[in-house]
Amino acid sequence: MENCIFCKIIKKEIPSSIVYEDDAVVGFKDINPVAPVHILIVPKTHLANVNEINEENADIIAKIHLAAKKIAKEMNIHEKGYRLINNCGPDAGQTVFHLHYHLIGGKNLGSKIL
């Protein structure tokens, strides 16, 4: 997508702190972290959000989760715990309309969801 900031990061048109990349997924540091570890994990294929997942592209969810597991281990938060969050749509707080997950950890996040 032409004006998508995440697509530009994936294409390396915008500098970012990429911590993970494979053939399907990129992980990079959030510019406004809410915890010591706050990584955005995005598919290289542009999908606006979870509502665009279908039988043909559903494997991207597994690839994102596998990337999250690898990143959590690399960031040394895999044993104590982390959150993997997806916001779908404006009412959920999605501000960039490219499917992405927030991997958050590195401190006690408590039990509250909101």
Protein backbone atom coordinates (compact mmCIF):
# COMPACT_ATOMS: atom_id res chain seq x y z
CA MET A 1 0.00 0.00 0.00
CA GLU A 2 1.44 3.29 -1.12
CA ASN A 3 1.05 5.47 2.01
CA CYS A 4 1.30 2.75 4.65
CA ILE A 5 4.08 3.54 7.12
CA PHE A 6 4.58 -0.16 7.94
CA CYS A 7 4.93 -1.03 4.25
CA LYS A 8 7.59 1.69 4.01
CA ILE A 9 9.42 0.22 7.02
CA ILE A 10 9.24 -3.26 5.46
CA LYS A 11 10.72 -1.87 2.22
CA LYS A 12 13.36 -0.05 4.32
CA GLU A 13 12.24 3.32 2.94
CA ILE A 14 11.94 4.57 6.54
CA PRO A 15 14.68 3.87 9.09
CA SER A 16 13.58 1.70 11.99
CA SER A 17 15.03 -0.60 14.61
CA ILE A 18 14.37 -3.97 12.99
CA VAL A 19 15.01 -6.80 15.45
CA TYR A 20 13.64 -9.70 13.39
CA GLU A 21 13.01 -10.50 9.75
CA ASP A 22 12.19 -13.60 7.77
CA ASP A 23 10.51 -14.24 4.42
CA ALA A 24 7.01 -13.34 5.71
CA VAL A 25 7.34 -11.16 8.82
CA VAL A 26 9.26 -8.15 10.18
CA GLY A 27 9.64 -7.17 13.83
CA PHE A 28 10.76 -3.70 14.86
CA LYS A 29 10.86 -1.56 17.99
CA ASP A 30 7.78 0.57 18.69
CA ILE A 31 8.62 4.29 18.65
CA ASN A 32 6.38 4.83 21.71
CA PRO A 33 7.14 1.82 23.92
CA VAL A 34 4.90 1.04 26.90
CA ALA A 35 7.38 -1.45 28.39
CA PRO A 36 11.11 -2.19 28.22
CA VAL A 37 10.37 -4.57 25.33
CA HIS A 38 7.78 -3.35 22.84
CA ILE A 39 8.12 -4.83 19.37
CA LEU A 40 5.68 -4.54 16.48
CA ILE A 41 5.39 -7.70 14.40
CA VAL A 42 3.96 -7.18 10.92
CA PRO A 43 3.46 -9.37 7.86
CA LYS A 44 5.30 -8.28 4.73
CA THR A 45 2.05 -8.62 2.82
CA HIS A 46 -0.27 -5.68 3.42
CA LEU A 47 -3.47 -6.67 5.19
CA ALA A 48 -5.43 -3.92 6.93
CA ASN A 49 -6.28 -6.01 9.99
CA VAL A 50 -7.51 -9.42 11.17
CA ASN A 51 -10.77 -8.94 9.24
CA GLU A 52 -8.78 -9.53 6.03
CA ILE A 53 -7.61 -12.98 7.13
CA ASN A 54 -9.09 -15.81 5.07
CA GLU A 55 -8.35 -19.44 4.21
CA GLU A 56 -5.70 -18.43 1.65
CA ASN A 57 -3.65 -16.20 3.96
CA ALA A 58 -4.41 -17.56 7.44
CA ASP A 59 -0.91 -19.05 7.71
CA ILE A 60 0.40 -15.53 8.35
CA ILE A 61 -1.07 -15.66 11.87
CA ALA A 62 1.01 -18.75 12.66
CA LYS A 63 4.10 -17.07 11.21
CA ILE A 64 3.52 -13.99 13.37
CA HIS A 65 3.14 -16.15 16.49
CA LEU A 66 6.28 -18.13 15.69
CA ALA A 67 8.17 -14.86 15.16
CA ALA A 68 6.85 -13.59 18.51
CA LYS A 69 8.17 -16.70 20.24
CA LYS A 70 11.63 -16.25 18.64
CA ILE A 71 11.75 -12.53 19.46
CA ALA A 72 10.65 -13.13 23.07
CA LYS A 73 13.44 -15.66 23.49
CA GLU A 74 16.00 -13.33 21.89
CA MET A 75 14.85 -10.47 24.17
CA ASN A 76 15.06 -12.82 27.17
CA ILE A 77 11.41 -12.39 28.19
CA HIS A 78 10.19 -15.83 27.12
CA GLU A 79 10.39 -17.37 30.60
CA LYS A 80 8.90 -14.60 32.73
CA GLY A 81 6.15 -13.77 30.23
CA TYR A 82 4.94 -11.29 27.67
CA ARG A 83 1.80 -10.12 25.94
CA LEU A 84 0.93 -10.40 22.28
CA ILE A 85 -1.75 -7.85 21.44
CA ASN A 86 -3.66 -7.13 18.25
CA ASN A 87 -6.01 -4.17 17.85
CA CYS A 88 -8.58 -4.59 15.08
CA GLY A 89 -10.32 -1.41 13.96
CA PRO A 90 -10.53 2.15 15.26
CA ASP A 91 -12.69 1.36 18.31
CA ALA A 92 -10.03 -1.13 19.43
CA GLY A 93 -7.31 1.51 19.12
CA GLN A 94 -5.84 0.50 15.77
CA THR A 95 -4.14 3.59 14.32
CA VAL A 96 -2.03 2.04 11.55
CA PHE A 97 -4.15 -0.05 9.21
CA HIS A 98 -1.60 -2.73 8.44
CA LEU A 99 -2.06 -5.95 10.43
CA HIS A 100 0.32 -5.90 13.38
CA TYR A 101 0.84 -7.37 16.81
CA HIS A 102 2.45 -5.72 19.81
CA LEU A 103 4.91 -7.94 21.69
CA ILE A 104 5.20 -6.35 25.13
CA GLY A 105 7.27 -7.46 28.10
CA GLY A 106 10.33 -6.90 30.22
CA LYS A 107 8.39 -5.93 33.33
CA ASN A 108 5.43 -7.16 35.35
CA LEU A 109 2.42 -6.17 33.26
CA GLY A 110 -0.11 -7.09 35.92
CA SER A 111 -3.42 -8.80 35.30
CA LYS A 112 -5.41 -5.90 33.84
CA ILE A 113 -6.20 -6.01 30.16
CA LEU A 114 -7.00 -2.31 29.87
